[in-house]
N, C-alpha and C. Protein backbone atom coordinates (compact mmCIF):
# COMPACT_ATOMS: atom_id res chain seq x y z
N UNK A 1 0.76 -1.09 -0.21
CA UNK A 1 0.21 0.08 0.22
C UNK A 1 1.18 1.14 -0.26
N UNK A 2 0.63 2.12 -0.78
CA UNK A 2 1.28 3.44 -1.11
C UNK A 2 1.09 4.35 0.09
N UNK A 3 1.99 5.10 0.58
CA UNK A 3 1.90 6.02 1.56
C UNK A 3 0.88 7.43 0.72
N UNK A 4 1.22 7.27 -0.43
CA UNK A 4 0.30 8.45 -1.10
C UNK A 4 -1.33 8.44 -1.11
N UNK A 5 -1.76 9.32 -1.13
CA UNK A 5 -3.36 9.74 -1.45
C UNK A 5 -3.50 9.93 -3.00
N UNK A 6 -4.77 9.65 -3.57
CA UNK A 6 -4.76 10.09 -4.86
C UNK A 6 -6.52 10.31 -5.05
N UNK A 7 -6.05 11.71 -5.94
CA UNK A 7 -7.19 12.36 -6.40
C UNK A 7 -7.29 11.94 -7.56
N UNK A 8 -8.29 12.55 -8.64
CA UNK A 8 -8.67 11.88 -9.54
C UNK A 8 -7.02 12.97 -10.91
N UNK A 9 -6.55 13.61 -10.25
CA UNK A 9 -5.16 13.90 -11.12
C UNK A 9 -4.15 14.54 -10.75
N UNK A 10 -4.19 13.67 -9.12
CA UNK A 10 -2.82 13.89 -8.56
C UNK A 10 -2.91 12.90 -7.70
N UNK A 11 -1.37 12.53 -7.27
CA UNK A 11 -1.03 12.08 -5.86
C UNK A 11 -0.66 12.89 -4.63
N UNK A 12 -1.01 12.42 -3.59
CA UNK A 12 -0.28 13.42 -2.45
C UNK A 12 0.28 12.66 -1.26
N UNK A 13 0.88 13.60 -0.58
CA UNK A 13 1.13 13.09 0.80
C UNK A 13 1.51 14.36 1.64
N UNK A 14 0.48 15.23 2.07
CA UNK A 14 0.72 16.26 2.87
C UNK A 14 0.21 16.33 3.96
N UNK A 15 1.41 16.27 5.16
CA UNK A 15 0.97 16.41 6.64
C UNK A 15 1.77 17.74 7.29
N UNK A 16 0.51 18.21 7.83
CA UNK A 16 0.99 19.37 8.57
C UNK A 16 0.75 19.74 10.22
N UNK A 17 1.94 20.09 10.80
CA UNK A 17 2.02 20.10 12.12
C UNK A 17 1.53 21.57 12.40
N UNK A 18 0.11 21.83 12.87
CA UNK A 18 -0.26 22.72 13.23
C UNK A 18 -0.54 23.37 14.85
N UNK A 19 0.19 24.22 15.58
CA UNK A 19 -0.06 24.90 16.91
C UNK A 19 -0.77 26.27 16.90
N UNK A 20 -1.79 26.28 17.84
CA UNK A 20 -2.80 27.57 18.14
C UNK A 20 -2.85 27.52 19.61
N UNK A 21 -3.30 29.03 20.14
CA UNK A 21 -3.48 28.73 21.26
C UNK A 21 -4.82 29.66 21.73
N UNK A 22 -5.30 29.99 22.92
CA UNK A 22 -6.86 30.75 23.09
C UNK A 22 -6.13 31.81 23.39
N UNK A 23 -7.09 32.66 23.00
CA UNK A 23 -6.94 34.07 23.03
C UNK A 23 -6.10 34.56 24.46
N UNK A 24 -5.21 35.09 24.88
CA UNK A 24 -4.22 35.47 25.85
C UNK A 24 -3.73 34.20 26.38
N UNK A 25 -3.87 33.45 25.70
CA UNK A 25 -3.15 32.20 26.12
C UNK A 25 -3.64 31.95 27.68
N UNK A 26 -4.54 31.99 27.91
CA UNK A 26 -5.51 31.63 29.18
C UNK A 26 -5.28 30.14 29.20
N UNK A 27 -4.94 29.41 30.22
CA UNK A 27 -4.96 28.18 30.96
C UNK A 27 -6.66 27.03 30.88
N UNK A 28 -7.34 27.14 30.04
CA UNK A 28 -8.39 27.14 29.86
C UNK A 28 -8.95 25.77 29.26
N UNK A 29 -7.92 25.05 28.66
CA UNK A 29 -8.27 24.13 27.87
C UNK A 29 -8.46 22.77 28.48
N UNK A 30 -9.07 22.42 29.51
CA UNK A 30 -9.51 21.48 30.23
C UNK A 30 -10.71 20.83 30.42
N UNK A 31 -11.09 20.21 31.17
CA UNK A 31 -12.64 19.35 31.45
C UNK A 31 -13.52 19.43 30.20
N UNK A 32 -14.32 19.91 30.40
CA UNK A 32 -15.72 20.15 29.42
C UNK A 32 -15.44 20.74 28.55
N UNK A 33 -14.76 21.94 28.23
CA UNK A 33 -13.94 22.68 27.42
C UNK A 33 -12.96 21.75 26.25
N UNK A 34 -12.33 21.14 26.97
CA UNK A 34 -11.26 20.00 25.98
C UNK A 34 -12.13 19.15 25.40
N UNK A 35 -12.90 18.32 25.97
CA UNK A 35 -13.45 17.37 25.45
C UNK A 35 -14.62 18.37 24.07
N UNK A 36 -15.02 19.17 24.05
CA UNK A 36 -15.85 19.68 23.06
C UNK A 36 -14.97 20.02 21.89
N UNK A 37 -13.83 21.04 22.47
CA UNK A 37 -12.64 21.17 21.19
C UNK A 37 -12.30 19.58 20.42
N UNK A 38 -12.19 18.73 21.17
CA UNK A 38 -11.13 17.89 20.77
C UNK A 38 -12.50 17.29 19.52
N UNK A 39 -13.84 17.12 20.22
CA UNK A 39 -14.88 16.61 19.78
C UNK A 39 -15.23 17.39 18.48
N UNK A 40 -15.06 18.83 18.32
CA UNK A 40 -15.40 19.81 17.35
C UNK A 40 -13.97 19.63 16.01
N UNK A 41 -13.13 19.69 16.45
CA UNK A 41 -11.62 19.68 15.91
C UNK A 41 -11.92 18.21 14.94
N UNK A 42 -12.58 17.09 15.60
CA UNK A 42 -12.66 15.74 14.79
C UNK A 42 -14.07 16.15 13.69
N UNK A 43 -14.89 16.26 14.08
CA UNK A 43 -15.96 16.86 13.43
C UNK A 43 -15.68 17.36 11.97
N UNK A 44 -15.07 18.60 12.24
CA UNK A 44 -14.48 19.84 11.13
C UNK A 44 -13.81 18.85 10.04
N UNK A 45 -12.58 18.25 10.84
CA UNK A 45 -11.56 17.48 9.95
C UNK A 45 -12.42 16.67 9.26
N UNK A 46 -13.53 15.61 9.25
CA UNK A 46 -14.43 14.75 9.03
C UNK A 46 -14.83 15.58 7.82
N UNK A 47 -15.71 16.49 7.94
CA UNK A 47 -16.45 17.41 7.04
C UNK A 47 -15.56 18.12 6.05
N UNK A 48 -14.06 18.09 6.33
CA UNK A 48 -13.23 18.52 4.87
C UNK A 48 -12.23 17.73 4.56
N UNK A 49 -12.43 16.48 5.08
CA UNK A 49 -11.99 15.13 4.28
C UNK A 49 -10.66 15.17 4.67
N UNK A 50 -9.93 16.03 6.21
CA UNK A 50 -8.44 15.86 6.49
C UNK A 50 -8.36 14.87 7.36
N UNK A 51 -7.37 14.34 7.47
CA UNK A 51 -7.29 12.93 8.69
C UNK A 51 -6.15 13.54 9.91
N UNK A 52 -6.92 13.26 10.85
CA UNK A 52 -6.27 13.78 11.88
C UNK A 52 -5.13 12.30 12.01
N UNK A 53 -4.06 12.95 12.26
CA UNK A 53 -2.63 11.58 12.69
C UNK A 53 -2.57 11.95 13.91
N UNK A 54 -2.23 12.97 14.66
CA UNK A 54 -2.48 13.17 15.88
C UNK A 54 -3.02 14.15 16.37
N UNK A 55 -3.41 14.29 17.84
CA UNK A 55 -4.18 15.70 18.23
C UNK A 55 -4.13 15.38 20.07
N UNK A 56 -3.62 16.78 20.20
CA UNK A 56 -3.18 16.84 21.90
C UNK A 56 -3.85 18.13 22.04
N UNK A 57 -4.89 18.19 22.68
CA UNK A 57 -5.31 19.58 23.58
C UNK A 57 -4.62 19.85 24.50
N UNK A 58 -3.59 20.83 24.96
CA UNK A 58 -3.18 21.01 26.17
C UNK A 58 -3.68 22.10 26.73
N UNK A 59 -3.59 22.15 28.45
CA UNK A 59 -3.99 23.38 28.73
C UNK A 59 -4.24 25.12 28.16
N UNK A 60 -3.15 25.41 27.37
CA UNK A 60 -2.93 26.66 26.93
C UNK A 60 -2.86 26.51 25.36
N UNK A 61 -2.62 25.20 24.75
CA UNK A 61 -2.91 25.48 23.03
C UNK A 61 -2.67 23.97 22.79
N UNK A 62 -2.92 23.83 21.30
CA UNK A 62 -3.58 23.08 20.42
C UNK A 62 -2.53 22.68 19.65
N UNK A 63 -2.02 20.84 19.74
CA UNK A 63 -0.91 20.68 18.58
C UNK A 63 -1.75 19.45 17.89
N UNK A 64 -1.70 19.95 16.66
CA UNK A 64 -2.61 18.40 15.56
C UNK A 64 -1.65 18.46 14.49
N UNK A 65 -1.53 17.21 14.16
CA UNK A 65 -0.76 17.05 12.80
C UNK A 65 -1.82 16.26 11.77
N UNK A 66 -2.31 17.15 10.73
CA UNK A 66 -3.35 17.07 9.85
C UNK A 66 -2.66 16.43 8.52
N UNK A 67 -3.37 15.68 7.93
CA UNK A 67 -3.43 15.12 6.56
C UNK A 67 -4.62 16.12 6.03
N UNK A 68 -4.05 17.27 5.08
CA UNK A 68 -4.92 18.04 4.34
C UNK A 68 -4.72 17.77 2.82
N UNK A 69 -5.60 17.38 2.06
CA UNK A 69 -5.72 17.44 0.72
C UNK A 69 -5.25 18.92 0.02
N UNK A 70 -4.78 18.61 -1.31
CA UNK A 70 -4.05 19.57 -1.86
C UNK A 70 -5.17 20.39 -2.08
N UNK A 71 -6.44 19.72 -2.40
CA UNK A 71 -7.91 20.90 -2.96
C UNK A 71 -8.05 21.71 -1.62
N UNK A 72 -7.55 21.66 -0.61
CA UNK A 72 -8.08 22.70 0.59
C UNK A 72 -6.56 23.28 1.05
N UNK A 73 -6.84 24.68 1.00
CA UNK A 73 -5.76 25.54 1.64
C UNK A 73 -5.83 25.18 3.75
N UNK A 74 -4.36 25.26 4.05
CA UNK A 74 -4.20 24.77 5.06
C UNK A 74 -5.32 26.26 6.12
N UNK A 75 -4.98 27.71 5.48
CA UNK A 75 -5.64 28.57 6.31
C UNK A 75 -6.81 28.18 6.19
N UNK A 76 -7.78 27.65 5.17
CA UNK A 76 -8.92 27.48 5.43
C UNK A 76 -9.87 26.42 6.32
N UNK A 77 -8.55 25.77 6.24
CA UNK A 77 -9.13 23.98 7.04
C UNK A 77 -8.75 24.68 8.50
N UNK A 78 -7.99 25.48 8.77
CA UNK A 78 -7.46 25.95 10.45
C UNK A 78 -8.50 27.13 10.87
N UNK A 79 -8.84 27.84 10.15
CA UNK A 79 -9.84 28.79 10.20
C UNK A 79 -10.98 28.12 10.67
N UNK A 80 -11.58 27.42 9.53
CA UNK A 80 -12.70 26.68 9.76
C UNK A 80 -12.84 25.69 11.40
N UNK A 81 -11.59 25.08 11.64
CA UNK A 81 -11.38 24.23 12.83
C UNK A 81 -11.67 25.45 14.24
N UNK A 82 -11.11 26.72 13.82
CA UNK A 82 -11.08 27.58 14.67
C UNK A 82 -12.45 27.72 15.15
N UNK A 83 -12.82 28.06 14.15
CA UNK A 83 -14.54 29.02 14.53
C UNK A 83 -15.35 28.14 14.87
N UNK A 84 -15.31 26.87 14.41
CA UNK A 84 -16.72 25.88 14.60
C UNK A 84 -16.15 25.66 16.20
N UNK A 85 -15.15 25.40 16.56
CA UNK A 85 -14.68 24.91 17.97
C UNK A 85 -15.02 26.24 18.56
N UNK A 86 -14.79 27.10 18.19
CA UNK A 86 -15.09 28.30 19.42
C UNK A 86 -16.67 28.52 19.23
N UNK A 87 -17.62 28.59 18.50
CA UNK A 87 -18.88 28.54 18.18
C UNK A 87 -19.35 27.35 19.82
N UNK A 88 -18.90 26.02 19.51
CA UNK A 88 -19.19 25.19 19.88
C UNK A 88 -19.11 25.31 21.57
N UNK A 89 -17.99 26.02 21.44
CA UNK A 89 -17.57 26.35 23.16
C UNK A 89 -18.08 26.98 23.74
N UNK A 90 -18.45 28.30 23.02
CA UNK A 90 -19.79 29.32 23.58
C UNK A 90 -20.96 28.84 23.80
N UNK A 91 -21.34 27.74 22.95
CA UNK A 91 -22.69 27.24 23.19
C UNK A 91 -22.47 26.27 24.27
N UNK A 92 -21.80 25.52 24.44
CA UNK A 92 -21.65 24.25 25.57
C UNK A 92 -21.09 24.73 26.64
N UNK A 93 -20.30 25.87 26.72
CA UNK A 93 -19.98 26.58 28.28
C UNK A 93 -20.24 28.28 28.15
N UNK A 94 -21.35 28.33 28.51
CA UNK A 94 -21.56 30.21 28.38
C UNK A 94 -20.92 30.69 29.07
N UNK A 95 -20.45 29.97 30.46
CA UNK A 95 -20.20 30.90 31.46
C UNK A 95 -18.64 31.70 30.84
N UNK A 96 -18.09 31.11 29.90
CA UNK A 96 -16.81 31.52 29.39
C UNK A 96 -16.92 32.79 28.41
N UNK A 97 -18.41 33.20 28.06
CA UNK A 97 -18.23 34.48 27.17
C UNK A 97 -18.09 35.93 28.15
N UNK A 98 -18.08 35.55 29.68
CA UNK A 98 -17.48 36.77 30.20
C UNK A 98 -16.07 36.78 30.34
N UNK A 99 -15.50 36.21 29.95
CA UNK A 99 -13.82 36.22 29.97
C UNK A 99 -13.29 35.96 28.71
N UNK A 100 -14.27 36.09 27.65
CA UNK A 100 -13.84 35.90 26.08
C UNK A 100 -14.84 36.89 25.25
N UNK A 101 -14.96 38.06 25.84
CA UNK A 101 -16.17 38.71 25.24
C UNK A 101 -15.81 38.92 23.73
N UNK A 102 -16.52 39.35 23.10
CA UNK A 102 -16.65 39.55 21.21
C UNK A 102 -16.76 38.46 20.53
N UNK A 103 -16.91 37.28 21.45
CA UNK A 103 -17.01 35.96 20.72
C UNK A 103 -15.40 35.61 20.22
N UNK A 104 -14.60 36.13 20.43
CA UNK A 104 -13.18 35.96 20.40
C UNK A 104 -12.77 34.45 21.07
N UNK A 105 -12.65 33.80 21.03
CA UNK A 105 -12.13 32.57 21.56
C UNK A 105 -10.17 32.30 21.31
N UNK A 106 -10.34 32.17 20.35
CA UNK A 106 -8.45 31.61 20.07
C UNK A 106 -8.29 33.40 19.37
N UNK A 107 -6.55 32.84 19.75
CA UNK A 107 -5.72 34.39 18.81
C UNK A 107 -6.14 34.02 17.69
N UNK A 108 -5.51 35.28 17.02
CA UNK A 108 -5.67 35.02 15.70
C UNK A 108 -4.91 34.44 15.17
N UNK A 109 -3.84 34.22 15.31
CA UNK A 109 -2.58 33.58 14.51
C UNK A 109 -2.67 32.30 14.73
N UNK A 110 -1.91 31.21 14.03
CA UNK A 110 -1.61 29.97 14.36
C UNK A 110 0.18 29.74 13.33
N UNK A 111 0.73 28.51 14.14
CA UNK A 111 2.07 27.71 13.72
C UNK A 111 1.70 26.87 12.67
N UNK A 112 2.18 26.87 11.56
CA UNK A 112 2.09 25.32 10.62
C UNK A 112 3.45 25.28 10.28
N UNK A 113 3.83 23.95 10.11
CA UNK A 113 5.23 23.15 9.39
C UNK A 113 4.78 22.47 8.68
N UNK A 114 5.46 22.22 7.72
CA UNK A 114 5.27 20.67 7.00
C UNK A 114 5.70 19.53 7.75
N UNK A 115 5.58 18.74 7.46
CA UNK A 115 6.16 17.10 8.22
C UNK A 115 6.38 16.22 6.96
N UNK A 116 7.57 16.51 6.93
CA UNK A 116 8.46 15.40 5.79
C UNK A 116 8.88 14.09 6.55
N UNK A 117 10.00 13.58 6.17
CA UNK A 117 10.36 12.11 6.39
C UNK A 117 10.61 12.11 8.01
N UNK A 118 10.37 13.09 8.85
CA UNK A 118 10.84 12.88 10.18
C UNK A 118 9.11 12.99 11.13
N UNK A 119 8.25 12.56 10.14
CA UNK A 119 6.63 12.35 10.59
C UNK A 119 6.53 11.54 12.45
N UNK A 120 7.47 10.30 12.10
CA UNK A 120 7.47 9.45 13.44
C UNK A 120 8.14 10.34 14.50
N UNK A 121 8.92 11.17 14.57
CA UNK A 121 9.57 11.60 15.70
C UNK A 121 8.90 12.81 15.85
N UNK A 122 8.08 13.79 14.93
CA UNK A 122 7.28 14.51 15.19
C UNK A 122 5.98 14.20 16.06
N UNK A 123 5.19 12.89 15.77
CA UNK A 123 4.35 12.20 16.18
C UNK A 123 4.35 11.97 17.68
N UNK A 124 5.74 11.59 17.55
CA UNK A 124 6.11 11.36 19.17
C UNK A 124 6.00 12.27 20.22
N UNK A 125 6.51 13.59 19.64
CA UNK A 125 7.15 14.90 20.17
C UNK A 125 5.55 15.59 20.51
N UNK A 126 4.36 15.59 19.58
CA UNK A 126 3.00 15.80 19.45
C UNK A 126 2.42 14.76 21.07
N UNK A 127 2.72 13.62 20.77
CA UNK A 127 1.93 12.66 21.74
C UNK A 127 2.48 12.84 23.47
N UNK A 128 3.59 13.12 23.51
CA UNK A 128 4.13 13.31 24.69
C UNK A 128 4.57 14.17 25.30
N UNK A 129 4.26 15.38 24.34
CA UNK A 129 4.59 16.88 25.27
C UNK A 129 3.80 17.15 26.24
N UNK A 130 2.97 16.94 26.61
CA UNK A 130 2.30 17.49 27.58
C UNK A 130 2.97 16.60 29.07
N UNK A 131 3.02 15.63 28.60
CA UNK A 131 4.16 14.45 30.06
C UNK A 131 4.92 15.60 30.50
N UNK A 132 5.93 15.59 29.28
CA UNK A 132 7.17 16.34 29.28
C UNK A 132 7.20 17.51 30.32
N UNK A 133 5.60 18.54 29.58
CA UNK A 133 5.43 19.91 30.37
C UNK A 133 5.42 19.40 31.77
N UNK A 134 4.60 18.29 32.08
CA UNK A 134 4.44 18.35 33.43
C UNK A 134 5.28 18.10 34.43
N UNK A 135 6.21 17.37 33.91
CA UNK A 135 7.93 16.89 34.66
C UNK A 135 8.54 17.84 35.03
N UNK A 136 8.61 18.90 33.93
CA UNK A 136 9.01 20.15 33.95
C UNK A 136 8.65 21.23 35.02
N UNK A 137 7.27 21.29 34.85
CA UNK A 137 6.44 22.11 35.55
C UNK A 137 6.79 21.63 37.46
N UNK A 138 6.89 20.24 37.55
CA UNK A 138 7.13 19.65 39.02
C UNK A 138 8.83 20.05 39.42
N UNK A 139 9.42 19.91 38.62
CA UNK A 139 10.92 20.04 38.98
C UNK A 139 11.14 21.52 39.13
N UNK A 140 10.43 22.43 38.21
CA UNK A 140 11.04 23.92 38.35
C UNK A 140 10.06 24.34 39.69
């Protein structure tokens, strides 16, 4: 089986490591909010025919490795995920509207990097980063 995906006139293998944060980098992505965001991200990716390779919602940022078809731009996919997840969070947890007035849950930007042959290393990094950060917090 090939590592490439096929479209009508192309084959592709596009992995992106994407990171974004809540506005003001508030440490709020836990409990019900975290679950809501994870569900929303999975739903959006399914609708956009993007495949989640790895997902890690940490207390103050989101890491995701996505396979995005060349039919879609990274900015469109990230914008859709951030927009729909924010709406979902505001609907599920209305009390956070006091903290995030103006319906702006996520910070404006995001970080994106393409993933090449080092996918296994980056997957391991995304998967275990939270554990490593907690160890550093305990030590420091």
